[in-house]
Amino acid sequence: MIKTDYRTLQAALRMTGYYETPPEARPKRPARRSTFHNIRCAKVIAFNIIGRCSWWNLRGRFDYEKWATASMASINFAEGIGSIVTISGFEQRAAHEGPVVYVANHMSTFETMVFPALLITFGKLSIILKKSLADIPIVGKAADAVGCIAVTRKNARDDLKTVLEQGAVRLSNGLSVLIFPQGTRQSVFANKGFNSLGAKLAARTNVPLVPIAVQTDFLGTGKWIRDFGPVDPARPVRFACGPVLPPQLGAKKTHEHSVAFIAAQLASWGLPVM
């Protein structure tokens, strides 16, 4: 079985906007659920991705290419135990030059590990993340090195101010900004729980908004540690990129279009939508 290289993935997204796990990257027999795979997944996230990025940063070698390289370990792991990874719709993003605001539904920890490999394809990236992660000394410094923005998720007014101010700085410096408007992981997509922060940032900074629908229930929520839950190799991993919504639409319309796209895409995959 051959592992997909992140350069191969990015080339596919730039040229066609589409990627699906190739036959040579699929095991002959998909794995079954097991505690062993749960532990392996936790190792990939904690050591192969977060650990490697932190170590590279300590040595002064961490950059966006290194981030994308480490991130690819998540896709390789999913494919290695039999999950089919499908990424579609990115031809629309490839046709647009310059930074954008991305908004995506938040289903599990897994999408946050995959996104750098996908989105750095189109330029530098800043992710809105939990302050609790940024407060981990080594991890926080690595996150700072690539321009991530930390929010508390305790005070909505303060978080809004932080994202609008720091997000504007990142966008003006050529970085795209990824926001999870749901805040916390949700297995059921509800329109009301998807806030308009991304649309407001896009409108204020006069950049496009790009919605992305994700299905990453391949990784469940952990009982004791929420980030590390059970793995189901039978479940697909899916990312679908929506249209590049121009800022001229205004915050209200871009928000409505982004919510409609994500809801429709999730429903087409047979996932629950309220």
C-alpha atoms as a PDB file:
ATOM      1  CA  MET A   1       0.000   0.000   0.000  1.00  0.00           C
ATOM      2  CA  ILE A   2       1.402   3.392  -1.047  1.00  0.00           C
ATOM      3  CA  LYS A   3       0.891   6.512   1.057  1.00  0.00           C
ATOM      4  CA  THR A   4      -0.309   9.657  -0.700  1.00  0.00           C
ATOM      5  CA  ASP A   5       2.245  12.472  -0.562  1.00  0.00           C
ATOM      6  CA  TYR A   6       0.951  15.919   0.384  1.00  0.00           C
ATOM      7  CA  ARG A   7       2.430  17.398  -2.817  1.00  0.00           C
ATOM      8  CA  THR A   8       0.386  14.918  -4.849  1.00  0.00           C
ATOM      9  CA  LEU A   9      -2.731  15.885  -2.925  1.00  0.00           C
ATOM     10  CA  GLN A  10      -2.129  19.609  -3.403  1.00  0.00           C
ATOM     11  CA  ALA A  11      -1.380  19.197  -7.108  1.00  0.00           C
ATOM     12  CA  ALA A  12      -4.711  17.406  -7.560  1.00  0.00           C
ATOM     13  CA  LEU A  13      -6.587  20.173  -5.729  1.00  0.00           C
ATOM     14  CA  ARG A  14      -4.930  22.899  -7.809  1.00  0.00           C
ATOM     15  CA  MET A  15      -5.517  21.166 -11.147  1.00  0.00           C
ATOM     16  CA  THR A  16      -8.934  19.535 -10.703  1.00  0.00           C
ATOM     17  CA  GLY A  17     -10.199  20.589  -7.271  1.00  0.00           C
ATOM     18  CA  TYR A  18     -10.823  16.922  -6.511  1.00  0.00           C
ATOM     19  CA  TYR A  19      -9.117  14.078  -4.682  1.00  0.00           C
ATOM     20  CA  GLU A  20     -10.230  10.591  -3.714  1.00  0.00           C
ATOM     21  CA  THR A  21      -8.198   7.877  -2.052  1.00  0.00           C
ATOM     22  CA  PRO A  22      -6.515   6.057  -4.969  1.00  0.00           C
ATOM     23  CA  PRO A  23      -6.696   2.236  -5.195  1.00  0.00           C
ATOM     24  CA  GLU A  24      -2.998   1.866  -4.371  1.00  0.00           C
ATOM     25  CA  ALA A  25      -3.533   3.729  -1.069  1.00  0.00           C
ATOM     26  CA  ARG A  26      -6.340   1.409   0.049  1.00  0.00           C
ATOM     27  CA  PRO A  27      -5.690  -1.708   2.138  1.00  0.00           C
ATOM     28  CA  LYS A  28      -6.866  -5.037   0.744  1.00  0.00           C
ATOM     29  CA  ARG A  29      -9.077  -5.494   3.777  1.00  0.00           C
ATOM     30  CA  PRO A  30     -10.470  -2.460   5.620  1.00  0.00           C
ATOM     31  CA  ALA A  31      -9.763  -2.576   9.320  1.00  0.00           C
ATOM     32  CA  ARG A  32     -12.414  -3.192  11.939  1.00  0.00           C
ATOM     33  CA  ARG A  33     -13.070  -1.054  14.975  1.00  0.00           C
ATOM     34  CA  SER A  34     -10.521  -1.681  17.696  1.00  0.00           C
ATOM     35  CA  THR A  35      -8.929  -0.025  20.697  1.00  0.00           C
ATOM     36  CA  PHE A  36      -5.598  -0.361  18.884  1.00  0.00           C
ATOM     37  CA  HIS A  37      -6.763   1.987  16.102  1.00  0.00           C
ATOM     38  CA  ASN A  38      -8.099   4.449  18.668  1.00  0.00           C
ATOM     39  CA  ILE A  39      -4.653   4.570  20.275  1.00  0.00           C
ATOM     40  CA  ARG A  40      -2.934   4.878  16.895  1.00  0.00           C
ATOM     41  CA  CYS A  41      -5.154   7.797  15.923  1.00  0.00           C
ATOM     42  CA  ALA A  42      -4.386   9.584  19.196  1.00  0.00           C
ATOM     43  CA  LYS A  43      -0.686   9.025  18.534  1.00  0.00           C
ATOM     44  CA  VAL A  44      -0.951  10.469  15.011  1.00  0.00           C
ATOM     45  CA  ILE A  45      -2.671  13.606  16.317  1.00  0.00           C
ATOM     46  CA  ALA A  46      -0.575  14.106  19.452  1.00  0.00           C
ATOM     47  CA  PHE A  47       2.862  13.116  18.174  1.00  0.00           C
ATOM     48  CA  ASN A  48       2.968  12.884  14.371  1.00  0.00           C
ATOM     49  CA  ILE A  49       1.208  16.224  13.897  1.00  0.00           C
ATOM     50  CA  ILE A  50       1.179  18.407  17.030  1.00  0.00           C
ATOM     51  CA  GLY A  51       4.434  16.983  18.386  1.00  0.00           C
ATOM     52  CA  ARG A  52       6.344  17.296  15.108  1.00  0.00           C
ATOM     53  CA  CYS A  53       5.137  20.860  14.536  1.00  0.00           C
ATOM     54  CA  SER A  54       6.152  21.870  18.058  1.00  0.00           C
ATOM     55  CA  TRP A  55       9.573  20.213  17.689  1.00  0.00           C
ATOM     56  CA  TRP A  56      10.232  21.906  14.337  1.00  0.00           C
ATOM     57  CA  ASN A  57       9.272  25.236  15.856  1.00  0.00           C
ATOM     58  CA  LEU A  58      11.666  24.751  18.784  1.00  0.00           C
ATOM     59  CA  ARG A  59      14.438  24.188  16.247  1.00  0.00           C
ATOM     60  CA  GLY A  60      13.438  27.242  14.198  1.00  0.00           C
ATOM     61  CA  ARG A  61      12.400  25.110  11.222  1.00  0.00           C
ATOM     62  CA  PHE A  62       8.617  25.325  11.406  1.00  0.00           C
ATOM     63  CA  ASP A  63       6.764  26.921   8.496  1.00  0.00           C
ATOM     64  CA  TYR A  64       3.611  26.420   6.443  1.00  0.00           C
ATOM     65  CA  GLU A  65       5.109  23.681   4.302  1.00  0.00           C
ATOM     66  CA  LYS A  66       6.141  21.762   7.423  1.00  0.00           C
ATOM     67  CA  TRP A  67       2.633  22.250   8.822  1.00  0.00           C
ATOM     68  CA  ALA A  68       1.076  20.835   5.645  1.00  0.00           C
ATOM     69  CA  THR A  69       3.524  17.917   5.665  1.00  0.00           C
ATOM     70  CA  ALA A  70       2.688  16.996   9.257  1.00  0.00           C
ATOM     71  CA  SER A  71      -1.030  17.408   8.608  1.00  0.00           C
ATOM     72  CA  MET A  72      -0.878  14.819   5.832  1.00  0.00           C
ATOM     73  CA  ALA A  73      -0.326  12.139   8.498  1.00  0.00           C
ATOM     74  CA  SER A  74      -4.028  12.370   9.371  1.00  0.00           C
ATOM     75  CA  ILE A  75      -5.108  11.533   5.818  1.00  0.00           C
ATOM     76  CA  ASN A  76      -2.550   8.753   5.523  1.00  0.00           C
ATOM     77  CA  PHE A  77      -3.792   7.222   8.783  1.00  0.00           C
ATOM     78  CA  ALA A  78      -7.460   7.281   7.699  1.00  0.00           C
ATOM     79  CA  GLU A  79      -6.649   5.779   4.312  1.00  0.00           C
ATOM     80  CA  GLY A  80      -4.299   3.220   5.840  1.00  0.00           C
ATOM     81  CA  ILE A  81      -7.067   1.580   7.879  1.00  0.00           C
ATOM     82  CA  GLY A  82      -9.635   1.623   5.094  1.00  0.00           C
ATOM     83  CA  SER A  83     -11.548   4.923   5.245  1.00  0.00           C
ATOM     84  CA  ILE A  84     -12.136   6.522   1.832  1.00  0.00           C
ATOM     85  CA  VAL A  85     -11.100  10.181   1.819  1.00  0.00           C
ATOM     86  CA  THR A  86     -12.926  12.387  -0.699  1.00  0.00           C
ATOM     87  CA  ILE A  87     -12.184  16.074  -1.247  1.00  0.00           C
ATOM     88  CA  SER A  88     -14.262  17.975  -3.799  1.00  0.00           C
ATOM     89  CA  GLY A  89     -15.227  21.425  -5.067  1.00  0.00           C
ATOM     90  CA  PHE A  90     -11.836  23.077  -4.635  1.00  0.00           C
ATOM     91  CA  GLU A  91     -11.632  24.101  -8.306  1.00  0.00           C
ATOM     92  CA  GLN A  92     -13.650  27.159  -7.260  1.00  0.00           C
ATOM     93  CA  ARG A  93     -11.062  28.100  -4.639  1.00  0.00           C
ATOM     94  CA  ALA A  94      -8.182  27.376  -7.027  1.00  0.00           C
ATOM     95  CA  ALA A  95      -9.587  29.904  -9.502  1.00  0.00           C
ATOM     96  CA  HIS A  96      -9.465  32.709  -6.906  1.00  0.00           C
ATOM     97  CA  GLU A  97      -6.181  34.398  -6.025  1.00  0.00           C
ATOM     98  CA  GLY A  98      -5.713  35.980  -2.631  1.00  0.00           C
ATOM     99  CA  PRO A  99      -6.833  35.332   0.949  1.00  0.00           C
ATOM    100  CA  VAL A 100     -10.366  34.368   1.936  1.00  0.00           C
ATOM    101  CA  VAL A 101     -12.334  33.617   5.072  1.00  0.00           C
ATOM    102  CA  TYR A 102     -13.219  29.928   5.321  1.00  0.00           C
ATOM    103  CA  VAL A 103     -16.147  28.742   7.451  1.00  0.00           C
ATOM    104  CA  ALA A 104     -16.720  25.044   8.167  1.00  0.00           C
ATOM    105  CA  ASN A 105     -18.903  22.873  10.337  1.00  0.00           C
ATOM    106  CA  HIS A 106     -17.094  21.283  13.270  1.00  0.00           C
ATOM    107  CA  MET A 107     -17.683  17.546  13.615  1.00  0.00           C
ATOM    108  CA  SER A 108     -14.524  16.216  15.277  1.00  0.00           C
ATOM    109  CA  THR A 109     -10.891  16.939  16.049  1.00  0.00           C
ATOM    110  CA  PHE A 110      -9.987  15.191  12.823  1.00  0.00           C
ATOM    111  CA  GLU A 111     -10.873  18.020  10.421  1.00  0.00           C
ATOM    112  CA  THR A 112      -8.616  20.446  12.272  1.00  0.00           C
ATOM    113  CA  MET A 113      -5.734  18.046  11.616  1.00  0.00           C
ATOM    114  CA  VAL A 114      -6.582  17.657   7.914  1.00  0.00           C
ATOM    115  CA  PHE A 115      -7.300  21.282   6.989  1.00  0.00           C
ATOM    116  CA  PRO A 116      -3.690  22.558   6.842  1.00  0.00           C
ATOM    117  CA  ALA A 117      -2.796  20.016   4.134  1.00  0.00           C
ATOM    118  CA  LEU A 118      -5.825  21.117   2.106  1.00  0.00           C
ATOM    119  CA  LEU A 119      -5.926  24.866   2.583  1.00  0.00           C
ATOM    120  CA  ILE A 120      -2.217  25.702   2.539  1.00  0.00           C
ATOM    121  CA  THR A 121      -2.501  24.538  -1.080  1.00  0.00           C
ATOM    122  CA  PHE A 122      -3.935  27.994  -1.774  1.00  0.00           C
ATOM    123  CA  GLY A 123      -1.741  30.111   0.496  1.00  0.00           C
ATOM    124  CA  LYS A 124      -0.853  30.751   4.111  1.00  0.00           C
ATOM    125  CA  LEU A 125      -3.469  29.912   6.724  1.00  0.00           C
ATOM    126  CA  SER A 126      -4.558  31.139  10.146  1.00  0.00           C
ATOM    127  CA  ILE A 127      -6.924  28.965  12.203  1.00  0.00           C
ATOM    128  CA  ILE A 128      -9.134  30.180  15.035  1.00  0.00           C
ATOM    129  CA  LEU A 129      -8.407  27.821  17.920  1.00  0.00           C
ATOM    130  CA  LYS A 130      -9.191  27.329  21.595  1.00  0.00           C
ATOM    131  CA  LYS A 131      -7.108  29.383  24.012  1.00  0.00           C
ATOM    132  CA  SER A 132      -6.610  26.242  26.090  1.00  0.00           C
ATOM    133  CA  LEU A 133      -4.483  24.843  23.260  1.00  0.00           C
ATOM    134  CA  ALA A 134      -2.556  28.083  22.799  1.00  0.00           C
ATOM    135  CA  ASP A 135      -1.810  28.088  26.546  1.00  0.00           C
ATOM    136  CA  ILE A 136       0.243  24.884  26.216  1.00  0.00           C
ATOM    137  CA  PRO A 137       3.740  26.456  26.085  1.00  0.00           C
ATOM    138  CA  ILE A 138       5.365  24.541  23.223  1.00  0.00           C
ATOM    139  CA  VAL A 139       2.148  24.045  21.238  1.00  0.00           C
ATOM    140  CA  GLY A 140       1.137  27.688  21.679  1.00  0.00           C
ATOM    141  CA  LYS A 141       4.436  28.955  20.311  1.00  0.00           C
ATOM    142  CA  ALA A 142       4.073  26.777  17.208  1.00  0.00           C
ATOM    143  CA  ALA A 143       0.519  28.064  16.713  1.00  0.00           C
ATOM    144  CA  ASP A 144       1.777  31.649  17.022  1.00  0.00           C
ATOM    145  CA  ALA A 145       4.463  30.958  14.435  1.00  0.00           C
ATOM    146  CA  VAL A 146       1.818  30.271  11.775  1.00  0.00           C
ATOM    147  CA  GLY A 147      -0.507  33.083  12.828  1.00  0.00           C
ATOM    148  CA  CYS A 148      -3.264  31.148  14.584  1.00  0.00           C
ATOM    149  CA  ILE A 149      -5.746  33.180  16.642  1.00  0.00           C
ATOM    150  CA  ALA A 150      -6.787  32.024  20.130  1.00  0.00           C
ATOM    151  CA  VAL A 151     -10.281  32.601  21.540  1.00  0.00           C
ATOM    152  CA  THR A 152     -11.641  31.736  24.981  1.00  0.00           C
ATOM    153  CA  ARG A 153     -15.124  30.545  23.913  1.00  0.00           C
ATOM    154  CA  LYS A 154     -16.327  31.919  27.260  1.00  0.00           C
ATOM    155  CA  ASN A 155     -17.016  35.551  26.385  1.00  0.00           C
ATOM    156  CA  ALA A 156     -18.667  35.949  22.983  1.00  0.00           C
ATOM    157  CA  ARG A 157     -18.143  39.717  22.898  1.00  0.00           C
ATOM    158  CA  ASP A 158     -14.399  39.439  23.580  1.00  0.00           C
ATOM    159  CA  ASP A 159     -14.003  36.607  21.080  1.00  0.00           C
ATOM    160  CA  LEU A 160     -15.800  38.650  18.426  1.00  0.00           C
ATOM    161  CA  LYS A 161     -13.460  41.577  19.007  1.00  0.00           C
ATOM    162  CA  THR A 162     -10.397  39.309  18.912  1.00  0.00           C
ATOM    163  CA  VAL A 163     -11.380  37.613  15.659  1.00  0.00           C
ATOM    164  CA  LEU A 164     -12.417  40.823  13.894  1.00  0.00           C
ATOM    165  CA  GLU A 165      -9.260  42.675  14.906  1.00  0.00           C
ATOM    166  CA  GLN A 166      -6.652  39.930  14.577  1.00  0.00           C
ATOM    167  CA  GLY A 167      -8.411  38.333  11.616  1.00  0.00           C
ATOM    168  CA  ALA A 168      -8.252  41.629   9.743  1.00  0.00           C
ATOM    169  CA  VAL A 169      -4.496  41.801  10.389  1.00  0.00           C
ATOM    170  CA  ARG A 170      -3.969  38.242   9.130  1.00  0.00           C
ATOM    171  CA  LEU A 171      -5.996  38.868   5.969  1.00  0.00           C
ATOM    172  CA  SER A 172      -4.165  42.122   5.237  1.00  0.00           C
ATOM    173  CA  ASN A 173      -0.905  40.148   5.471  1.00  0.00           C
ATOM    174  CA  GLY A 174      -2.125  37.632   2.902  1.00  0.00           C
ATOM    175  CA  LEU A 175      -3.238  34.824   5.233  1.00  0.00           C
ATOM    176  CA  SER A 176      -6.616  33.174   4.834  1.00  0.00           C
ATOM    177  CA  VAL A 177      -8.576  32.658   8.072  1.00  0.00           C
ATOM    178  CA  LEU A 178     -10.431  29.449   8.994  1.00  0.00           C
ATOM    179  CA  ILE A 179     -13.332  29.744  11.441  1.00  0.00           C
ATOM    180  CA  PHE A 180     -15.568  27.059  12.960  1.00  0.00           C
ATOM    181  CA  PRO A 181     -18.727  29.097  13.684  1.00  0.00           C
ATOM    182  CA  GLN A 182     -20.301  26.295  15.732  1.00  0.00           C
ATOM    183  CA  GLY A 183     -17.567  26.716  18.338  1.00  0.00           C
ATOM    184  CA  THR A 184     -17.796  23.157  19.618  1.00  0.00           C
ATOM    185  CA  ARG A 185     -18.115  19.776  17.906  1.00  0.00           C
ATOM    186  CA  GLN A 186     -21.624  18.994  16.698  1.00  0.00           C
ATOM    187  CA  SER A 187     -22.792  15.684  15.234  1.00  0.00           C
ATOM    188  CA  VAL A 188     -26.039  17.309  14.048  1.00  0.00           C
ATOM    189  CA  PHE A 189     -25.829  20.473  11.959  1.00  0.00           C
ATOM    190  CA  ALA A 190     -28.243  23.169  13.140  1.00  0.00           C
ATOM    191  CA  ASN A 191     -28.525  26.450  11.249  1.00  0.00           C
ATOM    192  CA  LYS A 192     -29.092  28.454  14.422  1.00  0.00           C
ATOM    193  CA  GLY A 193     -25.886  27.147  15.986  1.00  0.00           C
ATOM    194  CA  PHE A 194     -23.754  28.356  13.067  1.00  0.00           C
ATOM    195  CA  ASN A 195     -22.918  31.970  13.921  1.00  0.00           C
ATOM    196  CA  SER A 196     -22.166  34.744  11.411  1.00  0.00           C
ATOM    197  CA  LEU A 197     -18.691  35.652  12.679  1.00  0.00           C
ATOM    198  CA  GLY A 198     -16.989  34.506   9.474  1.00  0.00           C
ATOM    199  CA  ALA A 199     -19.375  36.489   7.297  1.00  0.00           C
ATOM    200  CA  LYS A 200     -18.841  39.597   9.420  1.00  0.00           C
ATOM    201  CA  LEU A 201     -15.067  39.297   9.162  1.00  0.00           C
ATOM    202  CA  ALA A 202     -15.247  38.782   5.389  1.00  0.00           C
ATOM    203  CA  ALA A 203     -17.546  41.770   4.894  1.00  0.00           C
ATOM    204  CA  ARG A 204     -15.478  44.048   7.142  1.00  0.00           C
ATOM    205  CA  THR A 205     -12.221  43.195   5.360  1.00  0.00           C
ATOM    206  CA  ASN A 206     -13.727  43.052   1.850  1.00  0.00           C
ATOM    207  CA  VAL A 207     -12.586  39.494   1.103  1.00  0.00           C
ATOM    208  CA  PRO A 208     -14.637  36.505  -0.130  1.00  0.00           C
ATOM    209  CA  LEU A 209     -16.220  33.921   2.142  1.00  0.00           C
ATOM    210  CA  VAL A 210     -15.790  30.235   1.298  1.00  0.00           C
ATOM    211  CA  PRO A 211     -17.944  27.592   3.051  1.00  0.00           C
ATOM    212  CA  ILE A 212     -16.650  24.047   3.513  1.00  0.00           C
ATOM    213  CA  ALA A 213     -18.748  21.049   4.556  1.00  0.00           C
ATOM    214  CA  VAL A 214     -16.943  18.280   6.414  1.00  0.00           C
ATOM    215  CA  GLN A 215     -17.796  14.758   7.471  1.00  0.00           C
ATOM    216  CA  THR A 216     -15.258  13.506   9.984  1.00  0.00           C
ATOM    217  CA  ASP A 217     -17.338  11.285  12.258  1.00  0.00           C
ATOM    218  CA  PHE A 218     -14.675   8.713  11.347  1.00  0.00           C
ATOM    219  CA  LEU A 219     -13.304   9.948  14.702  1.00  0.00           C
ATOM    220  CA  GLY A 220     -15.762  10.099  17.571  1.00  0.00           C
ATOM    221  CA  THR A 221     -15.709  12.170  20.754  1.00  0.00           C
ATOM    222  CA  GLY A 222     -13.750  10.634  23.604  1.00  0.00           C
ATOM    223  CA  LYS A 223     -15.378   9.669  26.890  1.00  0.00           C
ATOM    224  CA  TRP A 224     -12.531  10.931  29.070  1.00  0.00           C
ATOM    225  CA  ILE A 225     -10.525  13.041  26.611  1.00  0.00           C
ATOM    226  CA  ARG A 226     -12.900  14.573  24.081  1.00  0.00           C
ATOM    227  CA  ASP A 227     -10.254  15.043  21.375  1.00  0.00           C
ATOM    228  CA  PHE A 228      -9.359  11.344  21.269  1.00  0.00           C
ATOM    229  CA  GLY A 229     -12.388   9.170  20.704  1.00  0.00           C
ATOM    230  CA  PRO A 230     -13.209   5.868  18.969  1.00  0.00           C
ATOM    231  CA  VAL A 231     -12.272   5.385  15.315  1.00  0.00           C
ATOM    232  CA  ASP A 232     -14.640   3.789  12.787  1.00  0.00           C
ATOM    233  CA  PRO A 233     -12.691   2.769   9.634  1.00  0.00           C
ATOM    234  CA  ALA A 234     -15.939   2.047   7.775  1.00  0.00           C
ATOM    235  CA  ARG A 235     -16.967   5.705   7.818  1.00  0.00           C
ATOM    236  CA  PRO A 236     -15.769   7.961   4.971  1.00  0.00           C
ATOM    237  CA  VAL A 237     -13.877  11.212   5.463  1.00  0.00           C
ATOM    238  CA  ARG A 238     -15.326  13.971   3.264  1.00  0.00           C
ATOM    239  CA  PHE A 239     -14.554  17.625   2.568  1.00  0.00           C
ATOM    240  CA  ALA A 240     -16.616  19.633   0.075  1.00  0.00           C
ATOM    241  CA  CYS A 241     -15.700  23.218  -0.806  1.00  0.00           C
ATOM    242  CA  GLY A 242     -18.481  25.623  -1.696  1.00  0.00           C
ATOM    243  CA  PRO A 243     -18.550  28.717  -3.908  1.00  0.00           C
ATOM    244  CA  VAL A 244     -16.307  31.732  -3.405  1.00  0.00           C
ATOM    245  CA  LEU A 245     -18.900  34.221  -2.127  1.00  0.00           C
ATOM    246  CA  PRO A 246     -17.977  37.844  -2.977  1.00  0.00           C
ATOM    247  CA  PRO A 247     -18.000  40.428  -0.170  1.00  0.00           C
ATOM    248  CA  GLN A 248     -20.358  42.606  -2.228  1.00  0.00           C
ATOM    249  CA  LEU A 249     -23.171  40.275  -1.171  1.00  0.00           C
ATOM    250  CA  GLY A 250     -22.888  41.625   2.363  1.00  0.00           C
ATOM    251  CA  ALA A 251     -22.531  39.746   5.632  1.00  0.00           C
ATOM    252  CA  LYS A 252     -26.163  38.616   5.857  1.00  0.00           C
ATOM    253  CA  LYS A 253     -26.337  37.105   2.378  1.00  0.00           C
ATOM    254  CA  THR A 254     -22.920  35.451   2.493  1.00  0.00           C
ATOM    255  CA  HIS A 255     -23.817  33.911   5.833  1.00  0.00           C
ATOM    256  CA  GLU A 256     -27.126  32.607   4.492  1.00  0.00           C
ATOM    257  CA  HIS A 257     -25.465  31.145   1.394  1.00  0.00           C
ATOM    258  CA  SER A 258     -22.728  29.481   3.431  1.00  0.00           C
ATOM    259  CA  VAL A 259     -25.193  27.887   5.853  1.00  0.00           C
ATOM    260  CA  ALA A 260     -27.385  26.699   2.966  1.00  0.00           C
ATOM    261  CA  PHE A 261     -24.431  25.130   1.173  1.00  0.00           C
ATOM    262  CA  ILE A 262     -23.151  23.255   4.221  1.00  0.00           C
ATOM    263  CA  ALA A 263     -26.623  22.059   5.244  1.00  0.00           C
ATOM    264  CA  ALA A 264     -27.410  20.817   1.721  1.00  0.00           C
ATOM    265  CA  GLN A 265     -24.067  19.044   1.392  1.00  0.00           C
ATOM    266  CA  LEU A 266     -24.369  17.289   4.743  1.00  0.00           C
ATOM    267  CA  ALA A 267     -27.927  16.213   3.917  1.00  0.00           C
ATOM    268  CA  SER A 268     -26.735  14.784   0.565  1.00  0.00           C
ATOM    269  CA  TRP A 269     -24.267  12.635   2.536  1.00  0.00           C
ATOM    270  CA  GLY A 270     -27.129  11.324   4.661  1.00  0.00           C
ATOM    271  CA  LEU A 271     -26.108  13.237   7.803  1.00  0.00           C
ATOM    272  CA  PRO A 272     -28.658  14.808  10.183  1.00  0.00           C
ATOM    273  CA  VAL A 273     -29.504  18.470   9.640  1.00  0.00           C
ATOM    274  CA  MET A 274     -31.869  20.580  11.726  1.00  0.00           C
END
